[in-house]
Protein backbone atom coordinates (compact mmCIF):
# COMPACT_ATOMS: atom_id res chain seq x y z
CA MET A 1 50.27 22.18 5.15
CA ALA A 2 53.43 23.26 3.37
CA ASN A 3 55.08 20.00 4.48
CA VAL A 4 52.22 17.95 3.00
CA LEU A 5 52.58 19.80 -0.31
CA GLY A 6 56.37 19.37 -0.27
CA THR A 7 56.06 15.63 0.35
CA ALA A 8 53.46 15.25 -2.42
CA PHE A 9 55.74 17.12 -4.85
CA ALA A 10 58.79 15.05 -3.85
CA GLU A 11 56.80 11.85 -4.39
CA GLY A 12 55.61 13.02 -7.81
CA ARG A 13 51.92 13.24 -6.88
CA ILE A 14 51.71 16.92 -7.93
CA THR A 15 53.62 18.94 -10.52
CA PHE A 16 55.94 21.85 -9.76
CA GLU A 17 53.33 24.31 -11.05
CA GLU A 18 50.58 22.75 -8.90
CA HIS A 19 52.88 22.78 -5.85
CA ASP A 20 53.71 26.45 -6.42
CA GLU A 21 50.05 27.41 -6.93
CA ARG A 22 48.82 25.51 -3.86
CA LEU A 23 51.64 26.83 -1.68
CA SER A 24 50.72 30.41 -2.60
CA LYS A 25 47.12 29.65 -1.61
CA VAL A 26 48.27 28.13 1.71
CA TYR A 27 49.98 31.38 2.71
CA ALA A 28 47.01 33.45 1.54
CA ALA A 29 44.39 31.30 3.35
CA ARG A 30 42.34 32.95 6.08
CA THR A 31 40.51 29.86 7.42
CA PHE A 32 41.34 26.25 8.17
CA GLY A 33 38.65 25.18 5.73
CA GLU A 34 40.65 26.82 2.95
CA LEU A 35 43.80 25.03 4.13
CA ASP A 36 42.09 21.64 4.33
CA ALA A 37 40.71 22.00 0.79
CA LEU A 38 44.25 22.52 -0.55
CA THR A 39 45.59 19.21 0.80
CA GLU A 40 42.61 16.89 1.33
CA ASP A 41 43.39 14.94 -1.87
CA LEU A 42 47.03 14.51 -0.82
CA VAL A 43 46.65 13.16 2.73
CA VAL A 44 46.65 9.37 2.98
CA PRO A 45 44.15 8.06 5.61
CA GLY A 46 45.99 6.81 8.71
CA SER A 47 49.15 8.77 7.94
CA PRO A 48 50.64 11.15 10.54
CA ALA A 49 49.35 14.12 8.50
CA ALA A 50 45.82 12.68 8.50
CA LEU A 51 45.96 11.96 12.23
CA SER A 52 47.15 15.48 13.01
CA ALA A 53 44.27 16.91 10.97
CA GLY A 54 41.92 15.84 13.78
CA HIS A 55 42.74 19.03 15.70
CA HIS A 56 40.80 21.12 13.15
CA ALA A 57 37.63 20.76 15.22
CA VAL A 58 38.60 23.57 17.61
CA PRO A 59 36.66 26.74 16.71
CA ASP A 60 38.49 30.01 16.09
CA ARG A 61 41.86 28.27 15.91
CA ARG A 62 44.68 30.56 14.84
CA PHE A 63 46.92 29.36 12.09
CA VAL A 64 50.61 29.69 11.54
CA ALA A 65 51.78 31.58 8.44
CA SER A 66 55.38 32.56 7.83
CA ALA A 67 54.30 35.77 6.09
CA PRO A 68 51.24 37.94 6.59
CA ALA A 69 48.42 37.46 4.10
CA ALA A 70 47.23 41.02 4.67
CA GLY A 71 47.25 43.58 7.42
CA PRO A 72 49.86 45.03 9.75
CA VAL A 73 52.85 43.25 11.29
CA LEU A 74 53.77 43.54 14.97
CA ARG A 75 57.19 45.12 14.64
CA ASP A 76 59.78 46.13 17.21
CA SER A 77 58.44 49.44 18.50
CA THR A 78 59.11 52.16 21.05
CA THR A 79 56.21 54.28 22.27
CA VAL A 80 56.87 57.42 24.33
CA LEU A 81 53.95 59.52 25.59
CA SER A 82 51.69 58.01 22.94
CA THR A 83 49.59 54.97 22.03
CA LEU A 84 50.67 52.03 19.89
CA ARG A 85 47.79 50.31 18.08
CA PRO A 86 49.25 48.10 15.36
CA GLY A 87 45.79 47.21 13.98
CA SER A 88 44.05 44.03 12.95
CA PRO A 89 44.29 41.42 11.59
CA LEU A 90 47.79 41.40 12.97
CA HIS A 91 50.67 39.18 11.89
CA VAL A 92 52.91 38.27 14.84
CA PRO A 93 56.54 37.40 14.05
CA THR A 94 58.50 34.82 16.03
CA ARG A 95 60.03 37.61 18.15
CA ALA A 96 58.93 41.18 18.83
CA ASN A 97 60.20 43.82 21.27
CA LEU A 98 57.94 46.58 22.56
CA VAL A 99 59.10 49.48 24.73
CA VAL A 100 56.35 51.61 26.29
CA ILE A 101 57.37 54.73 28.21
CA LEU A 102 54.63 56.89 29.73
CA GLY A 103 52.26 55.61 27.07
CA GLU A 104 50.22 52.58 26.14
CA ALA A 105 50.10 49.69 23.68
CA ARG A 106 46.89 47.93 22.60
CA ILE A 107 47.58 44.58 20.96
CA ASP A 108 44.66 42.65 19.46
CA LEU A 109 45.49 39.01 18.69
CA VAL A 110 41.95 38.13 17.60
CA ASN A 111 42.15 37.06 13.92
CA ALA A 112 45.96 37.26 14.10
CA THR A 113 48.33 35.00 12.21
CA PHE A 114 51.56 33.83 13.81
CA ALA A 115 54.98 33.19 12.28
CA SER A 116 55.38 30.01 14.36
CA GLU A 117 53.57 27.92 16.93
CA THR A 118 55.54 29.69 19.67
CA VAL A 119 56.10 33.43 19.55
CA HIS A 120 57.90 35.61 22.08
CA ILE A 121 56.92 39.21 22.83
CA ASN A 122 59.38 41.10 25.01
CA LEU A 123 57.74 44.00 26.87
CA ASN A 124 59.61 46.77 28.67
CA VAL A 125 57.11 49.13 30.27
CA PHE A 126 57.99 52.24 32.27
CA MET A 127 55.01 54.03 33.80
CA GLY A 128 52.81 52.80 30.95
CA GLU A 129 50.20 50.18 30.14
CA VAL A 130 50.04 47.28 27.70
CA ARG A 131 46.73 45.54 26.93
CA ILE A 132 46.65 42.31 24.96
CA ARG A 133 43.44 40.57 23.85
CA VAL A 134 43.71 36.87 22.99
CA PRO A 135 41.22 34.50 21.32
CA ASP A 136 40.49 30.82 21.89
CA GLY A 137 43.32 28.55 20.78
CA VAL A 138 46.08 30.86 22.03
CA GLN A 139 47.98 30.04 25.23
CA VAL A 140 49.69 32.93 27.03
CA VAL A 141 52.67 32.34 29.30
CA GLY A 142 53.86 35.39 31.20
CA SER A 143 57.25 35.76 32.87
CA ILE A 144 57.36 39.49 33.41
CA ASN A 145 59.49 41.09 36.15
CA ASN A 146 57.50 43.70 38.05
CA ILE A 147 59.09 46.60 39.92
CA MET A 148 56.19 48.43 41.48
CA GLY A 149 54.25 47.17 38.46
CA GLU A 150 51.54 44.64 37.73
CA TYR A 151 50.93 41.74 35.35
CA THR A 152 47.42 40.28 35.16
CA ALA A 153 45.94 37.63 32.88
CA ARG A 154 42.20 36.98 33.09
CA ASN A 155 39.70 34.71 31.39
CA LEU A 156 42.33 33.01 29.27
CA PRO A 157 41.26 30.14 26.99
CA GLN A 158 41.20 26.76 28.72
CA GLY A 159 40.92 24.48 25.67
CA PRO A 160 43.65 23.12 23.43
CA ALA A 161 46.23 25.70 22.43
CA HIS A 162 47.56 25.82 18.90
CA VAL A 163 49.75 28.86 19.41
CA ARG A 164 51.82 29.75 22.47
CA VAL A 165 52.55 33.42 23.16
CA GLU A 166 55.40 33.91 25.63
CA LEU A 167 55.48 37.33 27.29
CA GLY A 168 58.76 38.42 28.86
CA GLY A 169 60.45 41.61 29.94
CA SER A 170 59.76 43.97 32.82
CA THR A 171 57.46 46.68 34.10
CA VAL A 172 58.51 49.61 36.26
CA MET A 173 55.51 51.36 37.76
CA GLY A 174 53.46 50.10 34.83
CA GLU A 175 51.08 47.31 34.02
CA VAL A 176 50.52 44.54 31.52
CA LYS A 177 46.98 43.19 31.20
CA VAL A 178 45.98 40.15 29.14
CA LEU A 179 42.32 39.31 28.60
CA GLY A 180 40.80 36.22 27.06
CA PRO A 181 37.26 35.64 25.79
CA GLY A 182 35.97 33.90 28.95
CA GLY A 183 34.65 37.03 30.70
CA ARG A 184 31.92 39.55 30.00
CA PRO A 185 31.50 39.99 26.23
CA GLY A 186 31.26 43.80 26.36
CA LYS A 187 34.52 44.15 28.27
CA TYR A 188 36.29 41.72 25.94
CA GLU A 189 35.11 43.61 22.84
CA ARG A 190 36.25 47.01 24.18
CA PHE A 191 39.47 45.84 25.85
CA VAL A 192 41.94 47.10 23.24
CA ARG A 193 40.01 50.15 22.01
């Protein structure tokens, strides 16, 4: 959306003030409907921007925002003998490192915003547990090294992915569990509590 606004400004179709005002609203938007309303008068039918707008039909699609509109940010963290719950709605930066030692981390990506279409979360877990809940529209790719540990991903979304979350790192006598919305609703709702 920011690219559409930048192009419209460069072509003289909107003023500097209008560009600045709309761009602020783009980064503050919470839904794709809000984003579409900000650029619908600027997209020329048949243009690449108009053709790419066809992917708005996916429900619960996460959007990419370079800065959080509101809420906590997933920051590099170390948890020892305690629980990390960053909160919701969470903003996920392009890279984050989490170290969990004899503790747990509960990461809820439902209603999250992402700094880019691909984000990387590096997990180092020693005798601890990490639980991550993902919504539709988010693809999870795990490449975690397990040493007497376990990585499981269940009921992940099967539809088109608009954000890719890459999980890396290692577990030593610990576990990383990822759960998508495809299973029992009660379990999904309580997964990160």
